[in-house]
Amino acid sequence: MTADQLQTLLEPLFPGLMGVRLLEVAPERVVAELEVRPDLCTSGGILHGGAYMAFADTLGAVGTVVNLGAGQRTTTTDSSTKFIAGAKVGTRVRGESIALHRGRTTHVWQTSVTNADGRLCAVVTQTQLILGASA
């Protein structure tokens, strides 16, 4: 699937509601951006931790979807987030998710989220379980 096709799938779902915009999609790497809107922020005008996590989770899931065989689907089994810096309302964050492991039954993705200044804001590592037909 292309980035445009995947973007169309995301639009009516939670990632579309958040405003996730896929920029690059490949079997080992996914890149996207997200506008830091007031409704995604804490009262201090900084991107909410849950928004970072949902953004990164989307990228790891998209990366896994690109690798699925016919009849397969995926779900997140675990996720770990390290918060490092903030992103201010009115700016954009960029996420780059890299496949650390692409096995038959699980994939592990690590997403780095940077702010408009290029500063690392969060690192998220997640495991995706592959369900359904055999690869």
N, C-alpha and C. Protein backbone atom coordinates (compact mmCIF):
# COMPACT_ATOMS: atom_id res chain seq x y z
N MET A 1 0.83 -1.19 0.00
CA MET A 1 0.00 0.00 0.00
C MET A 1 0.87 1.25 0.00
N THR A 2 0.40 2.26 -0.67
CA THR A 2 1.13 3.53 -0.71
C THR A 2 0.75 4.38 0.50
N ALA A 3 1.53 5.43 0.73
CA ALA A 3 1.23 6.37 1.81
C ALA A 3 -0.14 6.99 1.61
N ASP A 4 -0.48 7.32 0.37
CA ASP A 4 -1.80 7.92 0.08
C ASP A 4 -2.94 6.96 0.39
N GLN A 5 -2.78 5.69 0.01
CA GLN A 5 -3.81 4.70 0.30
C GLN A 5 -3.98 4.50 1.80
N LEU A 6 -2.87 4.43 2.51
CA LEU A 6 -2.94 4.27 3.96
C LEU A 6 -3.53 5.51 4.62
N GLN A 7 -3.19 6.69 4.10
CA GLN A 7 -3.75 7.93 4.64
C GLN A 7 -5.27 7.92 4.51
N THR A 8 -5.77 7.45 3.38
CA THR A 8 -7.21 7.36 3.16
C THR A 8 -7.86 6.42 4.18
N LEU A 9 -7.18 5.32 4.51
CA LEU A 9 -7.70 4.40 5.52
C LEU A 9 -7.72 5.04 6.91
N LEU A 10 -6.74 5.87 7.20
CA LEU A 10 -6.64 6.50 8.52
C LEU A 10 -7.65 7.62 8.74
N GLU A 11 -8.03 8.30 7.68
CA GLU A 11 -8.85 9.51 7.79
C GLU A 11 -10.09 9.36 8.67
N PRO A 12 -10.92 8.31 8.51
CA PRO A 12 -12.13 8.24 9.35
C PRO A 12 -11.88 7.67 10.75
N LEU A 13 -10.65 7.30 11.04
CA LEU A 13 -10.31 6.68 12.32
C LEU A 13 -9.64 7.67 13.26
N PHE A 14 -9.31 7.23 14.46
CA PHE A 14 -8.69 8.09 15.46
C PHE A 14 -7.45 8.83 14.94
N PRO A 15 -6.53 8.16 14.22
CA PRO A 15 -5.37 8.90 13.71
C PRO A 15 -5.77 10.05 12.78
N GLY A 16 -6.82 9.87 12.00
CA GLY A 16 -7.31 10.95 11.15
C GLY A 16 -7.87 12.09 11.98
N LEU A 17 -8.59 11.76 13.04
CA LEU A 17 -9.13 12.77 13.96
C LEU A 17 -8.01 13.58 14.60
N MET A 18 -6.92 12.89 14.94
CA MET A 18 -5.75 13.57 15.53
C MET A 18 -5.04 14.46 14.51
N GLY A 19 -5.13 14.09 13.24
CA GLY A 19 -4.45 14.86 12.21
C GLY A 19 -3.13 14.26 11.76
N VAL A 20 -2.93 12.97 11.98
CA VAL A 20 -1.70 12.30 11.54
C VAL A 20 -1.61 12.38 10.02
N ARG A 21 -0.46 12.82 9.51
CA ARG A 21 -0.22 12.92 8.06
C ARG A 21 0.99 12.08 7.70
N LEU A 22 0.75 11.01 6.96
CA LEU A 22 1.84 10.14 6.53
C LEU A 22 2.65 10.82 5.44
N LEU A 23 3.96 10.80 5.57
CA LEU A 23 4.85 11.40 4.57
C LEU A 23 5.59 10.34 3.76
N GLU A 24 6.07 9.30 4.45
CA GLU A 24 6.81 8.22 3.80
C GLU A 24 6.40 6.90 4.45
N VAL A 25 6.20 5.89 3.62
CA VAL A 25 5.85 4.57 4.14
C VAL A 25 6.65 3.53 3.37
N ALA A 26 7.40 2.72 4.10
CA ALA A 26 8.18 1.63 3.51
C ALA A 26 8.15 0.47 4.51
N PRO A 27 8.50 -0.75 4.10
CA PRO A 27 8.44 -1.89 5.01
C PRO A 27 9.30 -1.76 6.27
N GLU A 28 10.34 -0.95 6.25
CA GLU A 28 11.20 -0.81 7.42
C GLU A 28 11.19 0.58 8.05
N ARG A 29 10.38 1.52 7.49
CA ARG A 29 10.41 2.90 7.98
C ARG A 29 9.11 3.62 7.63
N VAL A 30 8.60 4.37 8.60
CA VAL A 30 7.41 5.20 8.40
C VAL A 30 7.72 6.59 8.96
N VAL A 31 7.38 7.63 8.18
CA VAL A 31 7.58 9.01 8.62
C VAL A 31 6.25 9.74 8.50
N ALA A 32 5.92 10.53 9.51
CA ALA A 32 4.67 11.29 9.51
C ALA A 32 4.85 12.57 10.29
N GLU A 33 3.83 13.43 10.20
CA GLU A 33 3.83 14.66 10.99
C GLU A 33 2.47 14.87 11.62
N LEU A 34 2.46 15.72 12.61
CA LEU A 34 1.24 16.02 13.35
C LEU A 34 1.29 17.48 13.78
N GLU A 35 0.24 18.21 13.49
CA GLU A 35 0.14 19.59 13.96
C GLU A 35 -0.22 19.57 15.44
N VAL A 36 0.49 20.37 16.22
CA VAL A 36 0.23 20.47 17.66
C VAL A 36 -0.91 21.49 17.84
N ARG A 37 -2.13 20.95 17.88
CA ARG A 37 -3.33 21.78 18.03
C ARG A 37 -3.68 21.93 19.52
N PRO A 38 -4.42 22.97 19.88
CA PRO A 38 -4.80 23.16 21.28
C PRO A 38 -5.54 21.96 21.88
N ASP A 39 -6.37 21.28 21.08
CA ASP A 39 -7.14 20.16 21.61
C ASP A 39 -6.29 18.90 21.82
N LEU A 40 -5.03 18.93 21.43
CA LEU A 40 -4.11 17.81 21.67
C LEU A 40 -3.10 18.14 22.77
N CYS A 41 -3.30 19.27 23.44
CA CYS A 41 -2.32 19.77 24.40
C CYS A 41 -2.78 19.70 25.85
N THR A 42 -1.81 19.88 26.73
CA THR A 42 -2.09 20.07 28.16
C THR A 42 -2.53 21.51 28.35
N SER A 43 -2.89 21.86 29.58
CA SER A 43 -3.30 23.24 29.85
C SER A 43 -2.17 24.23 29.63
N GLY A 44 -0.94 23.74 29.60
CA GLY A 44 0.21 24.61 29.38
C GLY A 44 0.56 24.82 27.91
N GLY A 45 -0.26 24.33 26.99
CA GLY A 45 0.00 24.53 25.58
C GLY A 45 1.11 23.65 25.03
N ILE A 46 1.33 22.51 25.67
CA ILE A 46 2.35 21.55 25.25
C ILE A 46 1.65 20.25 24.85
N LEU A 47 2.13 19.61 23.78
CA LEU A 47 1.52 18.37 23.31
C LEU A 47 1.38 17.36 24.45
N HIS A 48 0.19 16.84 24.62
CA HIS A 48 -0.13 15.89 25.68
C HIS A 48 0.63 14.58 25.47
N GLY A 49 1.07 13.96 26.56
CA GLY A 49 1.80 12.70 26.47
C GLY A 49 1.02 11.61 25.74
N GLY A 50 -0.28 11.57 25.95
CA GLY A 50 -1.10 10.58 25.26
C GLY A 50 -1.12 10.80 23.76
N ALA A 51 -1.01 12.05 23.34
CA ALA A 51 -0.97 12.34 21.90
C ALA A 51 0.34 11.83 21.29
N TYR A 52 1.45 12.01 22.01
CA TYR A 52 2.72 11.45 21.55
C TYR A 52 2.58 9.93 21.37
N MET A 53 2.01 9.30 22.38
CA MET A 53 1.89 7.85 22.37
C MET A 53 0.99 7.36 21.25
N ALA A 54 -0.15 8.01 21.05
CA ALA A 54 -1.06 7.61 19.98
C ALA A 54 -0.45 7.84 18.60
N PHE A 55 0.27 8.94 18.45
CA PHE A 55 0.96 9.25 17.20
C PHE A 55 1.96 8.14 16.87
N ALA A 56 2.81 7.81 17.83
CA ALA A 56 3.82 6.78 17.62
C ALA A 56 3.19 5.41 17.39
N ASP A 57 2.15 5.10 18.15
CA ASP A 57 1.47 3.81 17.98
C ASP A 57 0.93 3.67 16.57
N THR A 58 0.42 4.74 16.02
CA THR A 58 -0.09 4.73 14.66
C THR A 58 1.02 4.41 13.67
N LEU A 59 2.18 5.02 13.85
CA LEU A 59 3.27 4.80 12.90
C LEU A 59 3.77 3.36 12.94
N GLY A 60 3.91 2.78 14.12
CA GLY A 60 4.33 1.39 14.23
C GLY A 60 3.30 0.43 13.65
N ALA A 61 2.04 0.74 13.87
CA ALA A 61 0.97 -0.09 13.30
C ALA A 61 0.96 0.00 11.78
N VAL A 62 1.12 1.20 11.24
CA VAL A 62 1.17 1.38 9.78
C VAL A 62 2.34 0.60 9.20
N GLY A 63 3.49 0.68 9.86
CA GLY A 63 4.65 -0.07 9.39
C GLY A 63 4.39 -1.56 9.35
N THR A 64 3.70 -2.06 10.35
CA THR A 64 3.37 -3.49 10.37
C THR A 64 2.37 -3.83 9.28
N VAL A 65 1.35 -3.00 9.10
CA VAL A 65 0.34 -3.24 8.06
C VAL A 65 0.99 -3.38 6.69
N VAL A 66 1.98 -2.57 6.42
CA VAL A 66 2.69 -2.62 5.12
C VAL A 66 3.34 -4.00 4.91
N ASN A 67 3.67 -4.67 6.00
CA ASN A 67 4.35 -5.96 5.93
C ASN A 67 3.41 -7.17 6.03
N LEU A 68 2.12 -6.95 6.23
CA LEU A 68 1.19 -8.06 6.42
C LEU A 68 0.92 -8.82 5.13
N GLY A 69 0.66 -10.11 5.31
CA GLY A 69 0.22 -10.94 4.20
C GLY A 69 -1.30 -10.93 4.11
N ALA A 70 -1.81 -11.58 3.09
CA ALA A 70 -3.27 -11.67 2.89
C ALA A 70 -3.93 -12.30 4.10
N GLY A 71 -5.01 -11.69 4.57
CA GLY A 71 -5.78 -12.21 5.69
C GLY A 71 -5.19 -11.92 7.05
N GLN A 72 -4.08 -11.21 7.12
CA GLN A 72 -3.47 -10.89 8.41
C GLN A 72 -3.91 -9.52 8.89
N ARG A 73 -3.84 -9.34 10.21
CA ARG A 73 -4.11 -8.04 10.83
C ARG A 73 -3.15 -7.90 12.01
N THR A 74 -3.15 -6.74 12.64
CA THR A 74 -2.20 -6.50 13.72
C THR A 74 -2.85 -5.77 14.88
N THR A 75 -2.24 -5.91 16.04
CA THR A 75 -2.64 -5.16 17.22
C THR A 75 -1.40 -4.91 18.07
N THR A 76 -1.40 -3.81 18.80
CA THR A 76 -0.29 -3.49 19.70
C THR A 76 -0.40 -4.33 20.96
N THR A 77 0.71 -4.96 21.36
CA THR A 77 0.69 -5.74 22.60
C THR A 77 1.36 -5.00 23.75
N ASP A 78 2.33 -4.15 23.45
CA ASP A 78 2.94 -3.34 24.50
C ASP A 78 3.63 -2.13 23.90
N SER A 79 3.81 -1.13 24.74
CA SER A 79 4.42 0.12 24.30
C SER A 79 5.12 0.77 25.48
N SER A 80 6.29 1.34 25.22
CA SER A 80 7.05 2.04 26.26
C SER A 80 7.45 3.41 25.72
N THR A 81 7.16 4.44 26.49
CA THR A 81 7.44 5.80 26.05
C THR A 81 8.39 6.50 27.02
N LYS A 82 9.38 7.17 26.44
CA LYS A 82 10.29 8.02 27.21
C LYS A 82 10.08 9.45 26.72
N PHE A 83 9.64 10.32 27.63
CA PHE A 83 9.42 11.73 27.28
C PHE A 83 10.69 12.51 27.58
N ILE A 84 11.09 13.35 26.61
CA ILE A 84 12.36 14.04 26.73
C ILE A 84 12.19 15.56 26.67
N ALA A 85 11.35 16.05 25.77
CA ALA A 85 11.13 17.49 25.62
C ALA A 85 9.70 17.73 25.16
N GLY A 86 9.29 18.98 25.13
CA GLY A 86 7.94 19.33 24.74
C GLY A 86 7.83 19.90 23.34
N ALA A 87 6.61 19.92 22.85
CA ALA A 87 6.30 20.55 21.56
C ALA A 87 5.16 21.54 21.81
N LYS A 88 5.36 22.78 21.39
CA LYS A 88 4.41 23.85 21.67
C LYS A 88 3.24 23.87 20.68
N VAL A 89 2.11 24.30 21.20
CA VAL A 89 0.93 24.47 20.37
C VAL A 89 1.26 25.40 19.19
N GLY A 90 0.70 25.09 18.03
CA GLY A 90 0.94 25.89 16.84
C GLY A 90 2.14 25.44 16.02
N THR A 91 2.85 24.42 16.51
CA THR A 91 4.00 23.89 15.76
C THR A 91 3.64 22.50 15.23
N ARG A 92 4.60 21.83 14.62
CA ARG A 92 4.41 20.45 14.14
C ARG A 92 5.47 19.56 14.76
N VAL A 93 5.07 18.31 14.98
CA VAL A 93 6.05 17.30 15.36
C VAL A 93 6.20 16.33 14.19
N ARG A 94 7.36 15.70 14.14
CA ARG A 94 7.66 14.73 13.10
C ARG A 94 7.99 13.41 13.79
N GLY A 95 7.42 12.34 13.29
CA GLY A 95 7.70 11.02 13.83
C GLY A 95 8.38 10.16 12.79
N GLU A 96 9.42 9.45 13.20
CA GLU A 96 10.09 8.51 12.33
C GLU A 96 10.13 7.17 13.05
N SER A 97 9.47 6.18 12.47
CA SER A 97 9.38 4.86 13.07
C SER A 97 10.24 3.89 12.26
N ILE A 98 11.11 3.18 12.96
CA ILE A 98 12.05 2.25 12.34
C ILE A 98 11.76 0.84 12.87
N ALA A 99 11.74 -0.12 11.96
CA ALA A 99 11.54 -1.52 12.37
C ALA A 99 12.82 -2.04 13.02
N LEU A 100 12.70 -2.48 14.26
CA LEU A 100 13.81 -3.11 14.95
C LEU A 100 13.78 -4.62 14.74
N HIS A 101 12.58 -5.15 14.53
CA HIS A 101 12.38 -6.60 14.32
C HIS A 101 11.11 -6.79 13.50
N ARG A 102 11.22 -7.58 12.45
CA ARG A 102 10.05 -7.92 11.63
C ARG A 102 9.99 -9.43 11.50
N GLY A 103 9.39 -10.07 12.51
CA GLY A 103 9.29 -11.52 12.53
C GLY A 103 7.96 -12.01 11.97
N ARG A 104 7.78 -13.33 12.08
CA ARG A 104 6.58 -13.96 11.55
C ARG A 104 5.34 -13.63 12.40
N THR A 105 5.53 -13.52 13.72
CA THR A 105 4.38 -13.30 14.61
C THR A 105 4.41 -11.96 15.34
N THR A 106 5.56 -11.29 15.36
CA THR A 106 5.64 -9.98 16.00
C THR A 106 6.57 -9.05 15.22
N HIS A 107 6.29 -7.77 15.35
CA HIS A 107 7.17 -6.72 14.86
C HIS A 107 7.45 -5.79 16.03
N VAL A 108 8.66 -5.24 16.07
CA VAL A 108 9.01 -4.25 17.09
C VAL A 108 9.45 -2.99 16.35
N TRP A 109 8.84 -1.87 16.72
CA TRP A 109 9.10 -0.58 16.09
C TRP A 109 9.55 0.42 17.13
N GLN A 110 10.49 1.29 16.74
CA GLN A 110 10.92 2.38 17.61
C GLN A 110 10.66 3.70 16.88
N THR A 111 9.90 4.55 17.52
CA THR A 111 9.53 5.83 16.94
C THR A 111 10.19 6.96 17.70
N SER A 112 10.86 7.84 16.97
CA SER A 112 11.43 9.07 17.53
C SER A 112 10.55 10.22 17.09
N VAL A 113 10.12 11.03 18.05
CA VAL A 113 9.28 12.20 17.75
C VAL A 113 10.10 13.44 18.05
N THR A 114 10.23 14.31 17.05
CA THR A 114 11.00 15.55 17.20
C THR A 114 10.09 16.75 17.04
N ASN A 115 10.46 17.85 17.68
CA ASN A 115 9.66 19.07 17.56
C ASN A 115 10.13 19.92 16.37
N ALA A 116 9.54 21.07 16.21
CA ALA A 116 9.82 21.95 15.07
C ALA A 116 11.28 22.40 15.03
N ASP A 117 11.95 22.40 16.18
CA ASP A 117 13.36 22.77 16.24
C ASP A 117 14.28 21.58 16.00
N GLY A 118 13.70 20.39 15.76
CA GLY A 118 14.48 19.19 15.54
C GLY A 118 14.93 18.51 16.83
N ARG A 119 14.44 19.00 17.95
CA ARG A 119 14.81 18.43 19.25
C ARG A 119 14.00 17.17 19.52
N LEU A 120 14.64 16.14 20.02
CA LEU A 120 13.97 14.89 20.36
C LEU A 120 13.01 15.12 21.52
N CYS A 121 11.74 14.77 21.31
CA CYS A 121 10.71 14.95 22.34
C CYS A 121 10.33 13.66 23.03
N ALA A 122 10.28 12.57 22.27
CA ALA A 122 9.87 11.29 22.84
C ALA A 122 10.43 10.15 21.99
N VAL A 123 10.66 9.03 22.68
CA VAL A 123 11.05 7.79 22.01
C VAL A 123 10.06 6.72 22.48
N VAL A 124 9.42 6.07 21.52
CA VAL A 124 8.42 5.06 21.82
C VAL A 124 8.83 3.75 21.16
N THR A 125 8.85 2.70 21.95
CA THR A 125 9.13 1.36 21.43
C THR A 125 7.88 0.52 21.66
N GLN A 126 7.42 -0.15 20.60
CA GLN A 126 6.20 -0.93 20.70
C GLN A 126 6.34 -2.27 19.99
N THR A 127 5.54 -3.22 20.45
CA THR A 127 5.48 -4.54 19.82
C THR A 127 4.10 -4.70 19.22
N GLN A 128 4.10 -5.14 17.96
CA GLN A 128 2.86 -5.42 17.22
C GLN A 128 2.73 -6.93 17.04
N LEU A 129 1.60 -7.49 17.45
CA LEU A 129 1.31 -8.89 17.24
C LEU A 129 0.65 -9.05 15.89
N ILE A 130 1.06 -10.07 15.14
CA ILE A 130 0.46 -10.35 13.84
C ILE A 130 -0.54 -11.48 14.01
N LEU A 131 -1.77 -11.22 13.62
CA LEU A 131 -2.87 -12.17 13.77
C LEU A 131 -3.37 -12.61 12.41
N GLY A 132 -3.97 -13.80 12.35
CA GLY A 132 -4.60 -14.25 11.12
C GLY A 132 -3.78 -15.26 10.36
N ALA A 133 -3.97 -15.26 9.07
CA ALA A 133 -3.34 -16.26 8.18
C ALA A 133 -1.84 -16.28 8.35
N SER A 134 -1.23 -17.43 8.09
CA SER A 134 0.22 -17.59 8.18
C SER A 134 0.92 -16.79 7.11
N ALA A 135 2.11 -16.32 7.43
CA ALA A 135 2.89 -15.52 6.48
C ALA A 135 3.41 -16.37 5.35
